Structure formats: C-alpha cells, structure tokens
Amino acid sequence: MALLVEGARAEDIQQARAVLRQAEAGLKVATDDAVRMRELARTGSVTPKQRDDAEARLTVAETQRSAAAEAVRKLERLARPAEVRAAEAG
C-alpha cells in the first residue's frame, strides 16, 4: 500500500532507464551483426548457421529491449490515482 501511495522511487526509475539504454545498445550491435551476416551469407563468406546465430541474437536483443522499455513504462505509471483508490477500498 505504501508503495502505491508513494509511487516508484526515483532510483528505481533511473535504474530501469539504465537497463533500457543497455538493451538499446545491445540491440544496435545485434542489428549491425545480423545485417553484416546476411550480406556475408549471400556471398557464401559465412555459413548458414553463423547467419542464423546472428538472427537469433537479434531476436533476443529485441525481446530484451522490449522488456526493458515495458519495465520503464510500468515504473513511470506506477501509483496512478485510480490504483491508489482501488487499493484503499479493497
């Protein structure tokens, strides 16, 4: 209940934003690697498995970025007035 009244702590939000920035950096690296591997695969310079591994890393990075962004959104909207009223009533 106290957390709902006070909302998310600024430190929690800052930490979540830092995790998001890290996930965004990882996504950029994974995207660049996947693009590079696709091009190299077309010329036969890398194996299909190497290309597939890069694609899998890209999928993981996209998922991590999405989860980190949702964590930030959740903390930022924590303790909306309606949630506080519902917790007090229930």
PDB file of N, CA and C in Angstrom:
ATOM      1  N   MET A   1       0.823  -1.192   0.000  1.00  0.00           N
ATOM      2  CA  MET A   1       0.000   0.000   0.000  1.00  0.00           C
ATOM      3  C   MET A   1       0.865   1.254   0.000  1.00  0.00           C
ATOM      4  N   ALA A   2       1.878   1.278   0.826  1.00  0.00           N
ATOM      5  CA  ALA A   2       2.743   2.460   0.891  1.00  0.00           C
ATOM      6  C   ALA A   2       3.404   2.725  -0.455  1.00  0.00           C
ATOM      7  N   LEU A   3       3.799   1.659  -1.149  1.00  0.00           N
ATOM      8  CA  LEU A   3       4.418   1.842  -2.454  1.00  0.00           C
ATOM      9  C   LEU A   3       3.448   2.478  -3.430  1.00  0.00           C
ATOM     10  N   LEU A   4       2.185   2.082  -3.384  1.00  0.00           N
ATOM     11  CA  LEU A   4       1.197   2.687  -4.272  1.00  0.00           C
ATOM     12  C   LEU A   4       1.025   4.163  -3.975  1.00  0.00           C
ATOM     13  N   VAL A   5       1.007   4.524  -2.704  1.00  0.00           N
ATOM     14  CA  VAL A   5       0.819   5.925  -2.337  1.00  0.00           C
ATOM     15  C   VAL A   5       2.024   6.744  -2.764  1.00  0.00           C
ATOM     16  N   GLU A   6       3.206   6.225  -2.515  1.00  0.00           N
ATOM     17  CA  GLU A   6       4.419   6.970  -2.818  1.00  0.00           C
ATOM     18  C   GLU A   6       4.824   6.849  -4.280  1.00  0.00           C
ATOM     19  N   GLY A   7       4.436   5.790  -4.930  1.00  0.00           N
ATOM     20  CA  GLY A   7       4.844   5.565  -6.304  1.00  0.00           C
ATOM     21  C   GLY A   7       6.232   4.959  -6.370  1.00  0.00           C
ATOM     22  N   ALA A   8       6.717   4.792  -7.575  1.00  0.00           N
ATOM     23  CA  ALA A   8       8.046   4.217  -7.762  1.00  0.00           C
ATOM     24  C   ALA A   8       9.098   5.212  -7.300  1.00  0.00           C
ATOM     25  N   ARG A   9      10.137   4.700  -6.694  1.00  0.00           N
ATOM     26  CA  ARG A   9      11.221   5.568  -6.260  1.00  0.00           C
ATOM     27  C   ARG A   9      12.001   6.041  -7.473  1.00  0.00           C
ATOM     28  N   ALA A  10      12.527   7.247  -7.388  1.00  0.00           N
ATOM     29  CA  ALA A  10      13.299   7.809  -8.497  1.00  0.00           C
ATOM     30  C   ALA A  10      14.478   6.906  -8.849  1.00  0.00           C
ATOM     31  N   GLU A  11      15.088   6.305  -7.840  1.00  0.00           N
ATOM     32  CA  GLU A  11      16.235   5.426  -8.088  1.00  0.00           C
ATOM     33  C   GLU A  11      15.831   4.204  -8.907  1.00  0.00           C
ATOM     34  N   ASP A  12      14.641   3.685  -8.642  1.00  0.00           N
ATOM     35  CA  ASP A  12      14.156   2.526  -9.395  1.00  0.00           C
ATOM     36  C   ASP A  12      13.946   2.884 -10.861  1.00  0.00           C
ATOM     37  N   ILE A  13      13.388   4.055 -11.082  1.00  0.00           N
ATOM     38  CA  ILE A  13      13.151   4.505 -12.460  1.00  0.00           C
ATOM     39  C   ILE A  13      14.479   4.742 -13.168  1.00  0.00           C
ATOM     40  N   GLN A  14      15.432   5.374 -12.483  1.00  0.00           N
ATOM     41  CA  GLN A  14      16.747   5.614 -13.085  1.00  0.00           C
ATOM     42  C   GLN A  14      17.431   4.299 -13.442  1.00  0.00           C
ATOM     43  N   GLN A  15      17.331   3.327 -12.563  1.00  0.00           N
ATOM     44  CA  GLN A  15      17.944   2.023 -12.827  1.00  0.00           C
ATOM     45  C   GLN A  15      17.276   1.355 -14.029  1.00  0.00           C
ATOM     46  N   ALA A  16      15.963   1.423 -14.094  1.00  0.00           N
ATOM     47  CA  ALA A  16      15.247   0.824 -15.226  1.00  0.00           C
ATOM     48  C   ALA A  16      15.628   1.512 -16.533  1.00  0.00           C
ATOM     49  N   ARG A  17      15.812   2.815 -16.489  1.00  0.00           N
ATOM     50  CA  ARG A  17      16.229   3.545 -17.696  1.00  0.00           C
ATOM     51  C   ARG A  17      17.644   3.151 -18.113  1.00  0.00           C
ATOM     52  N   ALA A  18      18.510   2.912 -17.140  1.00  0.00           N
ATOM     53  CA  ALA A  18      19.871   2.466 -17.455  1.00  0.00           C
ATOM     54  C   ALA A  18      19.844   1.088 -18.112  1.00  0.00           C
ATOM     55  N   VAL A  19      18.999   0.206 -17.604  1.00  0.00           N
ATOM     56  CA  VAL A  19      18.852  -1.124 -18.209  1.00  0.00           C
ATOM     57  C   VAL A  19      18.318  -0.983 -19.636  1.00  0.00           C
ATOM     58  N   LEU A  20      17.393  -0.051 -19.839  1.00  0.00           N
ATOM     59  CA  LEU A  20      16.857   0.188 -21.180  1.00  0.00           C
ATOM     60  C   LEU A  20      17.955   0.678 -22.120  1.00  0.00           C
ATOM     61  N   ARG A  21      18.776   1.618 -21.667  1.00  0.00           N
ATOM     62  CA  ARG A  21      19.874   2.113 -22.516  1.00  0.00           C
ATOM     63  C   ARG A  21      20.829   0.971 -22.879  1.00  0.00           C
ATOM     64  N   GLN A  22      21.109   0.112 -21.920  1.00  0.00           N
ATOM     65  CA  GLN A  22      21.980  -1.030 -22.176  1.00  0.00           C
ATOM     66  C   GLN A  22      21.335  -1.966 -23.206  1.00  0.00           C
ATOM     67  N   ALA A  23      20.051  -2.212 -23.073  1.00  0.00           N
ATOM     68  CA  ALA A  23      19.345  -3.079 -24.021  1.00  0.00           C
ATOM     69  C   ALA A  23      19.323  -2.461 -25.411  1.00  0.00           C
ATOM     70  N   GLU A  24      19.174  -1.140 -25.488  1.00  0.00           N
ATOM     71  CA  GLU A  24      19.183  -0.466 -26.786  1.00  0.00           C
ATOM     72  C   GLU A  24      20.551  -0.576 -27.449  1.00  0.00           C
ATOM     73  N   ALA A  25      21.612  -0.457 -26.657  1.00  0.00           N
ATOM     74  CA  ALA A  25      22.960  -0.615 -27.206  1.00  0.00           C
ATOM     75  C   ALA A  25      23.165  -2.044 -27.706  1.00  0.00           C
ATOM     76  N   GLY A  26      22.708  -3.013 -26.931  1.00  0.00           N
ATOM     77  CA  GLY A  26      22.811  -4.408 -27.355  1.00  0.00           C
ATOM     78  C   GLY A  26      22.023  -4.682 -28.625  1.00  0.00           C
ATOM     79  N   LEU A  27      20.873  -4.036 -28.746  1.00  0.00           N
ATOM     80  CA  LEU A  27      20.056  -4.199 -29.949  1.00  0.00           C
ATOM     81  C   LEU A  27      20.767  -3.628 -31.167  1.00  0.00           C
ATOM     82  N   LYS A  28      21.418  -2.487 -31.004  1.00  0.00           N
ATOM     83  CA  LYS A  28      22.143  -1.895 -32.134  1.00  0.00           C
ATOM     84  C   LYS A  28      23.261  -2.820 -32.598  1.00  0.00           C
ATOM     85  N   VAL A  29      24.020  -3.352 -31.659  1.00  0.00           N
ATOM     86  CA  VAL A  29      25.106  -4.275 -32.013  1.00  0.00           C
ATOM     87  C   VAL A  29      24.541  -5.511 -32.713  1.00  0.00           C
ATOM     88  N   ALA A  30      23.482  -6.077 -32.167  1.00  0.00           N
ATOM     89  CA  ALA A  30      22.882  -7.280 -32.752  1.00  0.00           C
ATOM     90  C   ALA A  30      22.314  -6.997 -34.139  1.00  0.00           C
ATOM     91  N   THR A  31      21.717  -5.819 -34.313  1.00  0.00           N
ATOM     92  CA  THR A  31      21.184  -5.444 -35.626  1.00  0.00           C
ATOM     93  C   THR A  31      22.305  -5.325 -36.646  1.00  0.00           C
ATOM     94  N   ASP A  32      23.364  -4.614 -36.267  1.00  0.00           N
ATOM     95  CA  ASP A  32      24.504  -4.455 -37.177  1.00  0.00           C
ATOM     96  C   ASP A  32      25.114  -5.807 -37.539  1.00  0.00           C
ATOM     97  N   ASP A  33      25.265  -6.679 -36.546  1.00  0.00           N
ATOM     98  CA  ASP A  33      25.820  -8.012 -36.801  1.00  0.00           C
ATOM     99  C   ASP A  33      24.922  -8.817 -37.737  1.00  0.00           C
ATOM    100  N   ALA A  34      23.622  -8.756 -37.518  1.00  0.00           N
ATOM    101  CA  ALA A  34      22.694  -9.520 -38.357  1.00  0.00           C
ATOM    102  C   ALA A  34      22.736  -9.029 -39.799  1.00  0.00           C
ATOM    103  N   VAL A  35      22.774  -7.710 -39.973  1.00  0.00           N
ATOM    104  CA  VAL A  35      22.857  -7.151 -41.330  1.00  0.00           C
ATOM    105  C   VAL A  35      24.149  -7.607 -41.998  1.00  0.00           C
ATOM    106  N   ARG A  36      25.241  -7.529 -41.271  1.00  0.00           N
ATOM    107  CA  ARG A  36      26.542  -7.940 -41.800  1.00  0.00           C
ATOM    108  C   ARG A  36      26.529  -9.427 -42.173  1.00  0.00           C
ATOM    109  N   MET A  37      25.970 -10.248 -41.304  1.00  0.00           N
ATOM    110  CA  MET A  37      25.932 -11.691 -41.570  1.00  0.00           C
ATOM    111  C   MET A  37      25.043 -12.030 -42.764  1.00  0.00           C
ATOM    112  N   ARG A  38      23.939 -11.298 -42.918  1.00  0.00           N
ATOM    113  CA  ARG A  38      23.073 -11.531 -44.088  1.00  0.00           C
ATOM    114  C   ARG A  38      23.848 -11.266 -45.375  1.00  0.00           C
ATOM    115  N   GLU A  39      24.583 -10.146 -45.387  1.00  0.00           N
ATOM    116  CA  GLU A  39      25.364  -9.800 -46.579  1.00  0.00           C
ATOM    117  C   GLU A  39      26.449 -10.840 -46.844  1.00  0.00           C
ATOM    118  N   LEU A  40      27.144 -11.252 -45.789  1.00  0.00           N
ATOM    119  CA  LEU A  40      28.198 -12.251 -45.947  1.00  0.00           C
ATOM    120  C   LEU A  40      27.629 -13.609 -46.351  1.00  0.00           C
ATOM    121  N   ALA A  41      26.448 -13.937 -45.870  1.00  0.00           N
ATOM    122  CA  ALA A  41      25.818 -15.211 -46.230  1.00  0.00           C
ATOM    123  C   ALA A  41      25.455 -15.236 -47.711  1.00  0.00           C
ATOM    124  N   ARG A  42      25.050 -14.089 -48.244  1.00  0.00           N
ATOM    125  CA  ARG A  42      24.707 -14.026 -49.673  1.00  0.00           C
ATOM    126  C   ARG A  42      25.914 -14.340 -50.556  1.00  0.00           C
ATOM    127  N   THR A  43      27.093 -13.960 -50.083  1.00  0.00           N
ATOM    128  CA  THR A  43      28.300 -14.216 -50.878  1.00  0.00           C
ATOM    129  C   THR A  43      28.962 -15.540 -50.509  1.00  0.00           C
ATOM    130  N   GLY A  44      28.388 -16.248 -49.554  1.00  0.00           N
ATOM    131  CA  GLY A  44      28.946 -17.528 -49.142  1.00  0.00           C
ATOM    132  C   GLY A  44      30.145 -17.402 -48.218  1.00  0.00           C
ATOM    133  N   SER A  45      30.358 -16.218 -47.668  1.00  0.00           N
ATOM    134  CA  SER A  45      31.513 -15.987 -46.793  1.00  0.00           C
ATOM    135  C   SER A  45      31.310 -16.500 -45.375  1.00  0.00           C
ATOM    136  N   VAL A  46      30.060 -16.742 -44.994  1.00  0.00           N
ATOM    137  CA  VAL A  46      29.767 -17.327 -43.678  1.00  0.00           C
ATOM    138  C   VAL A  46      28.779 -18.469 -43.885  1.00  0.00           C
ATOM    139  N   THR A  47      28.729 -19.338 -42.924  1.00  0.00           N
ATOM    140  CA  THR A  47      27.818 -20.481 -43.025  1.00  0.00           C
ATOM    141  C   THR A  47      26.391 -20.044 -42.679  1.00  0.00           C
ATOM    142  N   PRO A  48      25.420 -20.813 -43.131  1.00  0.00           N
ATOM    143  CA  PRO A  48      24.040 -20.512 -42.741  1.00  0.00           C
ATOM    144  C   PRO A  48      23.862 -20.507 -41.222  1.00  0.00           C
ATOM    145  N   LYS A  49      24.591 -21.377 -40.527  1.00  0.00           N
ATOM    146  CA  LYS A  49      24.483 -21.407 -39.067  1.00  0.00           C
ATOM    147  C   LYS A  49      24.967 -20.094 -38.452  1.00  0.00           C
ATOM    148  N   GLN A  50      26.042 -19.544 -38.969  1.00  0.00           N
ATOM    149  CA  GLN A  50      26.536 -18.267 -38.448  1.00  0.00           C
ATOM    150  C   GLN A  50      25.491 -17.165 -38.658  1.00  0.00           C
ATOM    151  N   ARG A  51      24.870 -17.173 -39.828  1.00  0.00           N
ATOM    152  CA  ARG A  51      23.809 -16.206 -40.103  1.00  0.00           C
ATOM    153  C   ARG A  51      22.631 -16.425 -39.162  1.00  0.00           C
ATOM    154  N   ASP A  52      22.230 -17.677 -38.981  1.00  0.00           N
ATOM    155  CA  ASP A  52      21.108 -17.993 -38.094  1.00  0.00           C
ATOM    156  C   ASP A  52      21.404 -17.597 -36.651  1.00  0.00           C
ATOM    157  N   ASP A  53      22.641 -17.810 -36.217  1.00  0.00           N
ATOM    158  CA  ASP A  53      23.024 -17.412 -34.859  1.00  0.00           C
ATOM    159  C   ASP A  53      22.907 -15.898 -34.680  1.00  0.00           C
ATOM    160  N   ALA A  54      23.324 -15.147 -35.688  1.00  0.00           N
ATOM    161  CA  ALA A  54      23.215 -13.686 -35.621  1.00  0.00           C
ATOM    162  C   ALA A  54      21.748 -13.264 -35.576  1.00  0.00           C
ATOM    163  N   GLU A  55      20.910 -13.946 -36.339  1.00  0.00           N
ATOM    164  CA  GLU A  55      19.477 -13.640 -36.323  1.00  0.00           C
ATOM    165  C   GLU A  55      18.873 -13.956 -34.953  1.00  0.00           C
ATOM    166  N   ALA A  56      19.311 -15.049 -34.351  1.00  0.00           N
ATOM    167  CA  ALA A  56      18.809 -15.416 -33.021  1.00  0.00           C
ATOM    168  C   ALA A  56      19.239 -14.381 -31.985  1.00  0.00           C
ATOM    169  N   ARG A  57      20.485 -13.921 -32.073  1.00  0.00           N
ATOM    170  CA  ARG A  57      20.948 -12.880 -31.142  1.00  0.00           C
ATOM    171  C   ARG A  57      20.139 -11.596 -31.327  1.00  0.00           C
ATOM    172  N   LEU A  58      19.771 -11.304 -32.562  1.00  0.00           N
ATOM    173  CA  LEU A  58      18.945 -10.129 -32.825  1.00  0.00           C
ATOM    174  C   LEU A  58      17.571 -10.283 -32.180  1.00  0.00           C
ATOM    175  N   THR A  59      16.977 -11.439 -32.308  1.00  0.00           N
ATOM    176  CA  THR A  59      15.669 -11.688 -31.694  1.00  0.00           C
ATOM    177  C   THR A  59      15.736 -11.533 -30.181  1.00  0.00           C
ATOM    178  N   VAL A  60      16.779 -12.075 -29.576  1.00  0.00           N
ATOM    179  CA  VAL A  60      16.958 -11.947 -28.122  1.00  0.00           C
ATOM    180  C   VAL A  60      17.114 -10.479 -27.740  1.00  0.00           C
ATOM    181  N   ALA A  61      17.912  -9.743 -28.492  1.00  0.00           N
ATOM    182  CA  ALA A  61      18.139  -8.328 -28.187  1.00  0.00           C
ATOM    183  C   ALA A  61      16.852  -7.518 -28.327  1.00  0.00           C
ATOM    184  N   GLU A  62      16.048  -7.831 -29.331  1.00  0.00           N
ATOM    185  CA  GLU A  62      14.767  -7.140 -29.495  1.00  0.00           C
ATOM    186  C   GLU A  62      13.852  -7.406 -28.305  1.00  0.00           C
ATOM    187  N   THR A  63      13.828  -8.644 -27.867  1.00  0.00           N
ATOM    188  CA  THR A  63      12.991  -9.015 -26.723  1.00  0.00           C
ATOM    189  C   THR A  63      13.468  -8.334 -25.447  1.00  0.00           C
ATOM    190  N   GLN A  64      14.773  -8.299 -25.245  1.00  0.00           N
ATOM    191  CA  GLN A  64      15.320  -7.639 -24.057  1.00  0.00           C
ATOM    192  C   GLN A  64      15.012  -6.146 -24.065  1.00  0.00           C
ATOM    193  N   ARG A  65      15.108  -5.522 -25.221  1.00  0.00           N
ATOM    194  CA  ARG A  65      14.810  -4.094 -25.326  1.00  0.00           C
ATOM    195  C   ARG A  65      13.335  -3.839 -25.031  1.00  0.00           C
ATOM    196  N   SER A  66      12.485  -4.686 -25.565  1.00  0.00           N
ATOM    197  CA  SER A  66      11.049  -4.542 -25.338  1.00  0.00           C
ATOM    198  C   SER A  66      10.705  -4.701 -23.861  1.00  0.00           C
ATOM    199  N   ALA A  67      11.294  -5.698 -23.221  1.00  0.00           N
ATOM    200  CA  ALA A  67      11.039  -5.925 -21.793  1.00  0.00           C
ATOM    201  C   ALA A  67      11.553  -4.761 -20.949  1.00  0.00           C
ATOM    202  N   ALA A  68      12.713  -4.240 -21.298  1.00  0.00           N
ATOM    203  CA  ALA A  68      13.273  -3.112 -20.550  1.00  0.00           C
ATOM    204  C   ALA A  68      12.408  -1.864 -20.719  1.00  0.00           C
ATOM    205  N   ALA A  69      11.919  -1.634 -21.925  1.00  0.00           N
ATOM    206  CA  ALA A  69      11.053  -0.478 -22.163  1.00  0.00           C
ATOM    207  C   ALA A  69       9.753  -0.607 -21.378  1.00  0.00           C
ATOM    208  N   GLU A  70       9.206  -1.804 -21.330  1.00  0.00           N
ATOM    209  CA  GLU A  70       7.972  -2.021 -20.569  1.00  0.00           C
ATOM    210  C   GLU A  70       8.208  -1.818 -19.079  1.00  0.00           C
ATOM    211  N   ALA A  71       9.360  -2.226 -18.582  1.00  0.00           N
ATOM    212  CA  ALA A  71       9.674  -2.021 -17.162  1.00  0.00           C
ATOM    213  C   ALA A  71       9.726  -0.532 -16.832  1.00  0.00           C
ATOM    214  N   VAL A  72      10.296   0.261 -17.723  1.00  0.00           N
ATOM    215  CA  VAL A  72      10.337   1.714 -17.511  1.00  0.00           C
ATOM    216  C   VAL A  72       8.926   2.275 -17.513  1.00  0.00           C
ATOM    217  N   ARG A  73       8.129   1.896 -18.507  1.00  0.00           N
ATOM    218  CA  ARG A  73       6.745   2.397 -18.576  1.00  0.00           C
ATOM    219  C   ARG A  73       5.966   2.030 -17.320  1.00  0.00           C
ATOM    220  N   LYS A  74       6.145   0.815 -16.859  1.00  0.00           N
ATOM    221  CA  LYS A  74       5.420   0.350 -15.674  1.00  0.00           C
ATOM    222  C   LYS A  74       5.795   1.175 -14.448  1.00  0.00           C
ATOM    223  N   LEU A  75       7.068   1.407 -14.245  1.00  0.00           N
ATOM    224  CA  LEU A  75       7.501   2.201 -13.092  1.00  0.00           C
ATOM    225  C   LEU A  75       7.028   3.646 -13.202  1.00  0.00           C
ATOM    226  N   GLU A  76       7.053   4.181 -14.421  1.00  0.00           N
ATOM    227  CA  GLU A  76       6.649   5.578 -14.606  1.00  0.00           C
ATOM    228  C   GLU A  76       5.158   5.786 -14.353  1.00  0.00           C
ATOM    229  N   ARG A  77       4.368   4.776 -14.609  1.00  0.00           N
ATOM    230  CA  ARG A  77       2.928   4.955 -14.397  1.00  0.00           C
ATOM    231  C   ARG A  77       2.445   4.351 -13.078  1.00  0.00           C
ATOM    232  N   LEU A  78       3.369   3.821 -12.285  1.00  0.00           N
ATOM    233  CA  LEU A  78       3.012   3.221 -11.007  1.00  0.00           C
ATOM    234  C   LEU A  78       2.314   4.252 -10.131  1.00  0.00           C
ATOM    235  N   ALA A  79       1.318   3.782  -9.420  1.00  0.00           N
ATOM    236  CA  ALA A  79       0.584   4.607  -8.448  1.00  0.00           C
ATOM    237  C   ALA A  79      -0.276   5.673  -9.101  1.00  0.00           C
ATOM    238  N   ARG A  80      -0.940   5.303 -10.157  1.00  0.00           N
ATOM    239  CA  ARG A  80      -1.940   6.223 -10.700  1.00  0.00           C
ATOM    240  C   ARG A  80      -3.027   6.393  -9.651  1.00  0.00           C
ATOM    241  N   PRO A  81      -3.678   7.516  -9.608  1.00  0.00           N
ATOM    242  CA  PRO A  81      -4.699   7.763  -8.579  1.00  0.00           C
ATOM    243  C   PRO A  81      -5.764   6.674  -8.493  1.00  0.00           C
ATOM    244  N   ALA A  82      -6.185   6.127  -9.606  1.00  0.00           N
ATOM    245  CA  ALA A  82      -7.215   5.079  -9.583  1.00  0.00           C
ATOM    246  C   ALA A  82      -6.699   3.829  -8.871  1.00  0.00           C
ATOM    247  N   GLU A  83      -5.422   3.506  -9.046  1.00  0.00           N
ATOM    248  CA  GLU A  83      -4.850   2.341  -8.372  1.00  0.00           C
ATOM    249  C   GLU A  83      -4.810   2.556  -6.862  1.00  0.00           C
ATOM    250  N   VAL A  84      -4.491   3.768  -6.452  1.00  0.00           N
ATOM    251  CA  VAL A  84      -4.447   4.077  -5.022  1.00  0.00           C
ATOM    252  C   VAL A  84      -5.843   3.937  -4.425  1.00  0.00           C
ATOM    253  N   ARG A  85      -6.850   4.497  -5.101  1.00  0.00           N
ATOM    254  CA  ARG A  85      -8.228   4.410  -4.596  1.00  0.00           C
ATOM    255  C   ARG A  85      -8.681   2.956  -4.505  1.00  0.00           C
ATOM    256  N   ALA A  86      -8.358   2.151  -5.514  1.00  0.00           N
ATOM    257  CA  ALA A  86      -8.759   0.744  -5.507  1.00  0.00           C
ATOM    258  C   ALA A  86      -8.080  -0.009  -4.364  1.00  0.00           C
ATOM    259  N   ALA A  87      -6.829   0.277  -4.120  1.00  0.00           N
ATOM    260  CA  ALA A  87      -6.116  -0.397  -3.030  1.00  0.00           C
ATOM    261  C   ALA A  87      -6.676   0.014  -1.675  1.00  0.00           C
ATOM    262  N   GLU A  88      -7.028   1.270  -1.528  1.00  0.00           N
ATOM    263  CA  GLU A  88      -7.585   1.747  -0.261  1.00  0.00           C
ATOM    264  C   GLU A  88      -8.979   1.158  -0.031  1.00  0.00           C
ATOM    265  N   ALA A  89      -9.755   1.001  -1.101  1.00  0.00           N
ATOM    266  CA  ALA A  89     -11.118   0.488  -0.975  1.00  0.00           C
ATOM    267  C   ALA A  89     -11.128  -1.020  -0.733  1.00  0.00           C
ATOM    268  N   GLY A  90     -10.129  -1.706  -1.252  1.00  0.00           N
ATOM    269  CA  GLY A  90     -10.170  -3.156  -1.209  1.00  0.00           C
ATOM    270  C   GLY A  90      -9.384  -3.740  -0.125  1.00  0.00           C
TER     271      GLY A  90
END
